[in-house]
Amino acid sequence: MLRAGDTLVIWRLDRLGRSLKDLIAWVGWLKERKIGLRSLHEAMDTTTPAGKLTFHVFGALAEFERARIRDRTQDGLAAVRARSRKGGRRPVLNVDKHALAVKLYNEREMPIVKICRTMELSKPTLYSYVRAANGVTDGPPAT
């Protein structure tokens, strides 16, 4: 829904992309469409030269912080596995129910709310299952 002259306002840079490369891709995509970017947490506005510099500095810091979080998470999962436990979230549905939920969605005969209520899952989870079944991945715009 963004148009030329609009400004995309985000809470923090690390919510926009997972790496400096992703952030730069997003900013390039926004710039091509003449859309500004403003981060509330970093008090940054890419419509100004100082804001562009600040973006690159904070983008690098955000990428560094994500890498630290990833490393700590991997270390924690390795420790859990060493104690013979499996990490991660339990699946909401088993494989058969997962396939049934996608089938019901694709048949378009039952309302989404009813599918979710019947299968005891949320709409985002249902949509995630459907995207996975269709091979759709989300990510930043291609550059």
N, C-alpha and C. Protein backbone atom coordinates (compact mmCIF):
# COMPACT_ATOMS: atom_id res chain seq x y z
N MET A 1 0.80 -1.19 0.00
CA MET A 1 0.00 0.00 0.00
C MET A 1 0.85 1.27 0.00
N LEU A 2 2.18 1.10 0.09
CA LEU A 2 3.05 2.28 0.11
C LEU A 2 3.13 2.90 -1.28
N ARG A 3 3.15 4.22 -1.30
CA ARG A 3 3.26 4.95 -2.58
C ARG A 3 4.39 5.96 -2.48
N ALA A 4 4.80 6.48 -3.61
CA ALA A 4 5.85 7.49 -3.65
C ALA A 4 5.48 8.64 -2.72
N GLY A 5 6.47 9.07 -1.93
CA GLY A 5 6.25 10.15 -0.99
C GLY A 5 5.88 9.67 0.40
N ASP A 6 5.48 8.41 0.54
CA ASP A 6 5.16 7.84 1.85
C ASP A 6 6.45 7.54 2.61
N THR A 7 6.32 7.33 3.91
CA THR A 7 7.44 6.91 4.74
C THR A 7 7.00 5.67 5.51
N LEU A 8 7.78 4.62 5.38
CA LEU A 8 7.53 3.39 6.13
C LEU A 8 8.14 3.57 7.52
N VAL A 9 7.31 3.47 8.55
CA VAL A 9 7.76 3.64 9.93
C VAL A 9 7.83 2.26 10.58
N ILE A 10 9.01 1.96 11.13
CA ILE A 10 9.21 0.67 11.81
C ILE A 10 9.68 0.93 13.23
N TRP A 11 9.52 -0.06 14.09
CA TRP A 11 9.94 0.08 15.48
C TRP A 11 11.45 0.00 15.60
N ARG A 12 12.06 -1.05 15.03
CA ARG A 12 13.51 -1.24 15.08
C ARG A 12 13.99 -1.79 13.75
N LEU A 13 15.23 -1.49 13.41
CA LEU A 13 15.81 -1.98 12.16
C LEU A 13 15.84 -3.49 12.09
N ASP A 14 16.13 -4.15 13.22
CA ASP A 14 16.25 -5.60 13.17
C ASP A 14 14.92 -6.29 12.93
N ARG A 15 13.81 -5.57 12.97
CA ARG A 15 12.50 -6.11 12.63
C ARG A 15 12.26 -6.11 11.12
N LEU A 16 13.07 -5.36 10.38
CA LEU A 16 12.88 -5.24 8.93
C LEU A 16 13.66 -6.29 8.15
N GLY A 17 14.85 -6.65 8.62
CA GLY A 17 15.66 -7.61 7.89
C GLY A 17 16.57 -8.39 8.81
N ARG A 18 17.02 -9.55 8.35
CA ARG A 18 17.85 -10.42 9.18
C ARG A 18 19.34 -10.13 9.04
N SER A 19 19.72 -9.39 8.04
CA SER A 19 21.14 -9.09 7.85
C SER A 19 21.27 -7.70 7.23
N LEU A 20 22.48 -7.19 7.24
CA LEU A 20 22.71 -5.89 6.63
C LEU A 20 22.36 -5.95 5.15
N LYS A 21 22.65 -7.08 4.51
CA LYS A 21 22.30 -7.26 3.09
C LYS A 21 20.79 -7.13 2.89
N ASP A 22 19.99 -7.77 3.77
CA ASP A 22 18.53 -7.67 3.69
C ASP A 22 18.07 -6.23 3.88
N LEU A 23 18.64 -5.56 4.88
CA LEU A 23 18.26 -4.17 5.15
C LEU A 23 18.57 -3.27 3.97
N ILE A 24 19.74 -3.46 3.38
CA ILE A 24 20.13 -2.66 2.22
C ILE A 24 19.19 -2.94 1.05
N ALA A 25 18.80 -4.22 0.88
CA ALA A 25 17.85 -4.56 -0.19
C ALA A 25 16.52 -3.85 0.03
N TRP A 26 16.04 -3.85 1.26
CA TRP A 26 14.77 -3.17 1.56
C TRP A 26 14.89 -1.67 1.31
N VAL A 27 15.96 -1.05 1.79
CA VAL A 27 16.13 0.39 1.61
C VAL A 27 16.25 0.73 0.13
N GLY A 28 16.97 -0.10 -0.63
CA GLY A 28 17.07 0.12 -2.08
C GLY A 28 15.71 0.01 -2.75
N TRP A 29 14.93 -0.98 -2.35
CA TRP A 29 13.60 -1.18 -2.91
C TRP A 29 12.71 0.02 -2.59
N LEU A 30 12.79 0.50 -1.34
CA LEU A 30 12.00 1.68 -0.95
C LEU A 30 12.47 2.93 -1.70
N LYS A 31 13.78 3.08 -1.85
CA LYS A 31 14.33 4.26 -2.53
C LYS A 31 13.89 4.31 -3.99
N GLU A 32 13.90 3.15 -4.67
CA GLU A 32 13.45 3.09 -6.07
C GLU A 32 12.03 3.60 -6.23
N ARG A 33 11.23 3.36 -5.21
CA ARG A 33 9.82 3.75 -5.25
C ARG A 33 9.57 5.10 -4.58
N LYS A 34 10.68 5.79 -4.21
CA LYS A 34 10.62 7.10 -3.57
C LYS A 34 9.83 7.06 -2.25
N ILE A 35 10.12 6.00 -1.47
CA ILE A 35 9.49 5.81 -0.17
C ILE A 35 10.58 5.93 0.89
N GLY A 36 10.33 6.75 1.90
CA GLY A 36 11.29 6.92 2.98
C GLY A 36 11.17 5.81 4.01
N LEU A 37 12.16 5.72 4.89
CA LEU A 37 12.14 4.74 5.97
C LEU A 37 12.51 5.45 7.25
N ARG A 38 11.72 5.23 8.28
CA ARG A 38 12.00 5.84 9.57
C ARG A 38 11.91 4.77 10.65
N SER A 39 12.96 4.67 11.46
CA SER A 39 13.00 3.73 12.57
C SER A 39 12.83 4.51 13.86
N LEU A 40 11.83 4.15 14.64
CA LEU A 40 11.55 4.87 15.88
C LEU A 40 12.61 4.61 16.96
N HIS A 41 13.05 3.38 17.09
CA HIS A 41 14.02 3.04 18.14
C HIS A 41 15.37 3.68 17.88
N GLU A 42 15.84 3.65 16.65
CA GLU A 42 17.15 4.21 16.33
C GLU A 42 17.07 5.70 15.98
N ALA A 43 15.88 6.28 15.99
CA ALA A 43 15.68 7.70 15.65
C ALA A 43 16.40 8.03 14.34
N MET A 44 16.05 7.28 13.29
CA MET A 44 16.73 7.39 12.01
C MET A 44 15.72 7.62 10.89
N ASP A 45 16.09 8.45 9.94
CA ASP A 45 15.23 8.76 8.80
C ASP A 45 16.11 8.74 7.55
N THR A 46 15.88 7.78 6.63
CA THR A 46 16.75 7.62 5.46
C THR A 46 16.50 8.66 4.37
N THR A 47 15.61 9.59 4.62
CA THR A 47 15.40 10.62 3.61
C THR A 47 16.46 11.73 3.72
N THR A 48 17.34 11.65 4.73
CA THR A 48 18.40 12.64 4.90
C THR A 48 19.77 11.94 4.79
N PRO A 49 20.83 12.69 4.39
CA PRO A 49 22.16 12.08 4.31
C PRO A 49 22.63 11.51 5.66
N ALA A 50 22.39 12.24 6.74
CA ALA A 50 22.79 11.75 8.07
C ALA A 50 22.01 10.49 8.42
N GLY A 51 20.76 10.44 8.02
CA GLY A 51 19.93 9.27 8.28
C GLY A 51 20.43 8.05 7.53
N LYS A 52 20.91 8.26 6.30
CA LYS A 52 21.46 7.14 5.52
C LYS A 52 22.71 6.58 6.18
N LEU A 53 23.58 7.46 6.68
CA LEU A 53 24.77 7.02 7.39
C LEU A 53 24.37 6.25 8.65
N THR A 54 23.45 6.82 9.40
CA THR A 54 22.96 6.17 10.62
C THR A 54 22.38 4.81 10.31
N PHE A 55 21.65 4.70 9.20
CA PHE A 55 21.07 3.42 8.79
C PHE A 55 22.14 2.36 8.63
N HIS A 56 23.23 2.68 7.95
CA HIS A 56 24.28 1.70 7.71
C HIS A 56 24.97 1.30 9.01
N VAL A 57 25.20 2.25 9.90
CA VAL A 57 25.83 1.94 11.18
C VAL A 57 24.92 1.03 12.01
N PHE A 58 23.66 1.45 12.17
CA PHE A 58 22.73 0.65 12.98
C PHE A 58 22.40 -0.68 12.30
N GLY A 59 22.40 -0.71 10.99
CA GLY A 59 22.17 -1.96 10.27
C GLY A 59 23.26 -2.98 10.57
N ALA A 60 24.50 -2.51 10.58
CA ALA A 60 25.62 -3.40 10.90
C ALA A 60 25.52 -3.88 12.35
N LEU A 61 25.14 -3.00 13.25
CA LEU A 61 24.97 -3.39 14.65
C LEU A 61 23.83 -4.39 14.82
N ALA A 62 22.74 -4.19 14.10
CA ALA A 62 21.60 -5.11 14.17
C ALA A 62 21.99 -6.49 13.67
N GLU A 63 22.77 -6.54 12.58
CA GLU A 63 23.23 -7.82 12.04
C GLU A 63 24.14 -8.53 13.06
N PHE A 64 25.01 -7.75 13.71
CA PHE A 64 25.90 -8.31 14.73
C PHE A 64 25.09 -8.89 15.89
N GLU A 65 24.08 -8.17 16.35
CA GLU A 65 23.25 -8.64 17.46
C GLU A 65 22.49 -9.90 17.08
N ARG A 66 21.97 -9.97 15.87
CA ARG A 66 21.27 -11.17 15.42
C ARG A 66 22.21 -12.37 15.41
N ALA A 67 23.44 -12.15 14.97
CA ALA A 67 24.43 -13.24 14.94
C ALA A 67 24.71 -13.73 16.36
N ARG A 68 24.81 -12.80 17.31
CA ARG A 68 25.04 -13.19 18.71
C ARG A 68 23.87 -14.00 19.23
N ILE A 69 22.64 -13.58 18.93
CA ILE A 69 21.45 -14.30 19.38
C ILE A 69 21.42 -15.70 18.76
N ARG A 70 21.73 -15.77 17.46
CA ARG A 70 21.75 -17.06 16.77
C ARG A 70 22.77 -18.01 17.41
N ASP A 71 23.97 -17.48 17.71
CA ASP A 71 25.01 -18.30 18.32
C ASP A 71 24.59 -18.80 19.70
N ARG A 72 23.99 -17.92 20.51
CA ARG A 72 23.55 -18.32 21.84
C ARG A 72 22.43 -19.36 21.75
N THR A 73 21.53 -19.19 20.78
CA THR A 73 20.45 -20.15 20.59
C THR A 73 21.01 -21.51 20.19
N GLN A 74 21.95 -21.52 19.25
CA GLN A 74 22.56 -22.78 18.82
C GLN A 74 23.29 -23.46 19.97
N ASP A 75 23.99 -22.67 20.79
CA ASP A 75 24.68 -23.24 21.95
C ASP A 75 23.68 -23.86 22.92
N GLY A 76 22.56 -23.17 23.15
CA GLY A 76 21.53 -23.69 24.04
C GLY A 76 20.90 -24.97 23.51
N LEU A 77 20.62 -25.00 22.20
CA LEU A 77 20.05 -26.21 21.60
C LEU A 77 21.03 -27.38 21.66
N ALA A 78 22.32 -27.11 21.47
CA ALA A 78 23.33 -28.17 21.55
C ALA A 78 23.39 -28.73 22.98
N ALA A 79 23.26 -27.85 23.98
CA ALA A 79 23.27 -28.30 25.37
C ALA A 79 22.05 -29.16 25.66
N VAL A 80 20.90 -28.77 25.14
CA VAL A 80 19.67 -29.54 25.33
C VAL A 80 19.79 -30.90 24.66
N ARG A 81 20.32 -30.93 23.44
CA ARG A 81 20.49 -32.20 22.73
C ARG A 81 21.47 -33.12 23.45
N ALA A 82 22.49 -32.52 24.07
CA ALA A 82 23.47 -33.32 24.82
C ALA A 82 22.81 -34.02 26.01
N ARG A 83 21.72 -33.44 26.51
CA ARG A 83 20.97 -34.05 27.60
C ARG A 83 19.85 -34.95 27.06
N SER A 84 19.96 -35.33 25.77
CA SER A 84 19.00 -36.24 25.11
C SER A 84 17.59 -35.66 25.02
N ARG A 85 17.50 -34.38 24.83
CA ARG A 85 16.20 -33.76 24.62
C ARG A 85 16.20 -33.08 23.26
N LYS A 86 15.00 -32.92 22.73
CA LYS A 86 14.86 -32.27 21.44
C LYS A 86 14.40 -30.83 21.67
N GLY A 87 15.04 -29.87 20.99
CA GLY A 87 14.66 -28.48 21.13
C GLY A 87 13.62 -28.07 20.10
N GLY A 88 13.11 -26.89 20.27
CA GLY A 88 12.14 -26.35 19.30
C GLY A 88 10.71 -26.53 19.74
N ARG A 89 9.83 -25.90 19.01
CA ARG A 89 8.41 -25.94 19.31
C ARG A 89 7.80 -27.23 18.78
N ARG A 90 6.89 -27.79 19.56
CA ARG A 90 6.19 -28.99 19.10
C ARG A 90 5.26 -28.62 17.97
N PRO A 91 5.12 -29.50 16.96
CA PRO A 91 4.19 -29.21 15.87
C PRO A 91 2.76 -29.19 16.39
N VAL A 92 1.96 -28.29 15.83
CA VAL A 92 0.56 -28.17 16.23
C VAL A 92 -0.21 -29.41 15.78
N LEU A 93 0.04 -29.86 14.56
CA LEU A 93 -0.67 -31.00 14.00
C LEU A 93 0.32 -32.07 13.55
N ASN A 94 -0.14 -33.33 13.57
CA ASN A 94 0.70 -34.37 13.00
C ASN A 94 0.62 -34.28 11.47
N VAL A 95 1.38 -35.08 10.78
CA VAL A 95 1.49 -34.99 9.32
C VAL A 95 0.14 -35.18 8.63
N ASP A 96 -0.66 -36.15 9.10
CA ASP A 96 -1.95 -36.41 8.46
C ASP A 96 -2.92 -35.24 8.64
N LYS A 97 -2.99 -34.70 9.86
CA LYS A 97 -3.88 -33.57 10.12
C LYS A 97 -3.40 -32.32 9.38
N HIS A 98 -2.10 -32.18 9.28
CA HIS A 98 -1.50 -31.07 8.54
C HIS A 98 -2.00 -31.13 7.08
N ALA A 99 -1.89 -32.29 6.46
CA ALA A 99 -2.32 -32.48 5.07
C ALA A 99 -3.83 -32.23 4.93
N LEU A 100 -4.60 -32.68 5.92
CA LEU A 100 -6.06 -32.48 5.89
C LEU A 100 -6.40 -31.00 5.97
N ALA A 101 -5.71 -30.26 6.82
CA ALA A 101 -5.96 -28.82 6.95
C ALA A 101 -5.69 -28.11 5.61
N VAL A 102 -4.59 -28.46 4.95
CA VAL A 102 -4.26 -27.86 3.66
C VAL A 102 -5.30 -28.25 2.62
N LYS A 103 -5.73 -29.51 2.64
CA LYS A 103 -6.74 -29.98 1.69
C LYS A 103 -8.06 -29.22 1.87
N LEU A 104 -8.50 -29.07 3.12
CA LEU A 104 -9.74 -28.32 3.39
C LEU A 104 -9.62 -26.88 2.91
N TYR A 105 -8.46 -26.29 3.14
CA TYR A 105 -8.25 -24.91 2.69
C TYR A 105 -8.33 -24.82 1.16
N ASN A 106 -7.66 -25.74 0.48
CA ASN A 106 -7.62 -25.71 -0.99
C ASN A 106 -8.97 -26.03 -1.63
N GLU A 107 -9.79 -26.81 -0.95
CA GLU A 107 -11.11 -27.14 -1.50
C GLU A 107 -12.06 -25.95 -1.47
N ARG A 108 -11.80 -25.00 -0.59
CA ARG A 108 -12.59 -23.77 -0.47
C ARG A 108 -14.08 -24.00 -0.24
N GLU A 109 -14.40 -25.10 0.44
CA GLU A 109 -15.80 -25.39 0.75
C GLU A 109 -16.12 -25.05 2.20
N MET A 110 -15.12 -24.99 3.05
CA MET A 110 -15.32 -24.71 4.46
C MET A 110 -14.67 -23.37 4.79
N PRO A 111 -15.35 -22.51 5.55
CA PRO A 111 -14.74 -21.23 5.93
C PRO A 111 -13.45 -21.44 6.73
N ILE A 112 -12.52 -20.53 6.56
CA ILE A 112 -11.22 -20.63 7.22
C ILE A 112 -11.38 -20.69 8.73
N VAL A 113 -12.30 -19.88 9.27
CA VAL A 113 -12.52 -19.88 10.72
C VAL A 113 -12.94 -21.27 11.19
N LYS A 114 -13.78 -21.93 10.43
CA LYS A 114 -14.25 -23.27 10.81
C LYS A 114 -13.12 -24.30 10.70
N ILE A 115 -12.29 -24.18 9.65
CA ILE A 115 -11.14 -25.08 9.52
C ILE A 115 -10.25 -24.94 10.76
N CYS A 116 -9.97 -23.70 11.13
CA CYS A 116 -9.09 -23.44 12.28
C CYS A 116 -9.71 -23.97 13.57
N ARG A 117 -10.99 -23.75 13.75
CA ARG A 117 -11.67 -24.21 14.96
C ARG A 117 -11.67 -25.74 15.01
N THR A 118 -11.98 -26.37 13.88
CA THR A 118 -12.05 -27.84 13.81
C THR A 118 -10.68 -28.46 14.05
N MET A 119 -9.66 -27.89 13.44
CA MET A 119 -8.31 -28.46 13.53
C MET A 119 -7.55 -27.96 14.76
N GLU A 120 -8.18 -27.01 15.50
CA GLU A 120 -7.57 -26.42 16.70
C GLU A 120 -6.22 -25.78 16.42
N LEU A 121 -6.22 -24.87 15.44
CA LEU A 121 -5.02 -24.12 15.12
C LEU A 121 -5.39 -22.69 14.76
N SER A 122 -4.41 -21.81 14.78
CA SER A 122 -4.65 -20.41 14.48
C SER A 122 -4.61 -20.18 12.96
N LYS A 123 -5.16 -19.04 12.54
CA LYS A 123 -5.11 -18.69 11.12
C LYS A 123 -3.67 -18.58 10.61
N PRO A 124 -2.78 -17.89 11.34
CA PRO A 124 -1.39 -17.82 10.85
C PRO A 124 -0.76 -19.20 10.67
N THR A 125 -1.07 -20.14 11.57
CA THR A 125 -0.51 -21.48 11.44
C THR A 125 -1.07 -22.17 10.20
N LEU A 126 -2.37 -22.03 9.98
CA LEU A 126 -2.98 -22.60 8.78
C LEU A 126 -2.33 -22.02 7.53
N TYR A 127 -2.20 -20.70 7.48
CA TYR A 127 -1.60 -20.06 6.31
C TYR A 127 -0.15 -20.51 6.14
N SER A 128 0.56 -20.72 7.24
CA SER A 128 1.94 -21.21 7.16
C SER A 128 1.97 -22.60 6.54
N TYR A 129 1.05 -23.47 6.95
CA TYR A 129 0.97 -24.81 6.37
C TYR A 129 0.67 -24.75 4.88
N VAL A 130 -0.24 -23.87 4.49
CA VAL A 130 -0.63 -23.75 3.08
C VAL A 130 0.56 -23.24 2.26
N ARG A 131 1.25 -22.20 2.78
CA ARG A 131 2.42 -21.67 2.06
C ARG A 131 3.48 -22.76 1.89
N ALA A 132 3.74 -23.51 2.95
CA ALA A 132 4.74 -24.57 2.89
C ALA A 132 4.34 -25.64 1.86
N ALA A 133 3.05 -25.99 1.84
CA ALA A 133 2.58 -27.01 0.89
C ALA A 133 2.69 -26.51 -0.54
N ASN A 134 2.56 -25.20 -0.74
CA ASN A 134 2.64 -24.62 -2.08
C ASN A 134 4.04 -24.18 -2.45
N GLY A 135 5.00 -24.36 -1.53
CA GLY A 135 6.39 -23.99 -1.81
C GLY A 135 6.63 -22.50 -1.84
N VAL A 136 5.79 -21.72 -1.17
CA VAL A 136 5.93 -20.26 -1.16
C VAL A 136 6.81 -19.87 0.01
N THR A 137 7.81 -19.00 -0.23
CA THR A 137 8.66 -18.50 0.83
C THR A 137 8.51 -16.99 0.89
N ASP A 138 8.61 -16.45 2.12
CA ASP A 138 8.55 -15.02 2.31
C ASP A 138 9.97 -14.49 2.40
N GLY A 139 10.15 -13.21 2.09
CA GLY A 139 11.46 -12.62 2.21
C GLY A 139 11.47 -11.22 1.63
N PRO A 140 12.62 -10.57 1.69
CA PRO A 140 12.70 -9.21 1.16
C PRO A 140 12.54 -9.19 -0.34
N PRO A 141 12.20 -8.04 -0.88
CA PRO A 141 12.04 -7.96 -2.33
C PRO A 141 13.35 -8.27 -3.04
N ALA A 142 13.25 -8.86 -4.21
CA ALA A 142 14.45 -9.18 -5.00
C ALA A 142 15.11 -7.90 -5.47
N THR A 143 16.44 -7.91 -5.46
CA THR A 143 17.16 -6.72 -5.95
C THR A 143 17.88 -7.05 -7.22
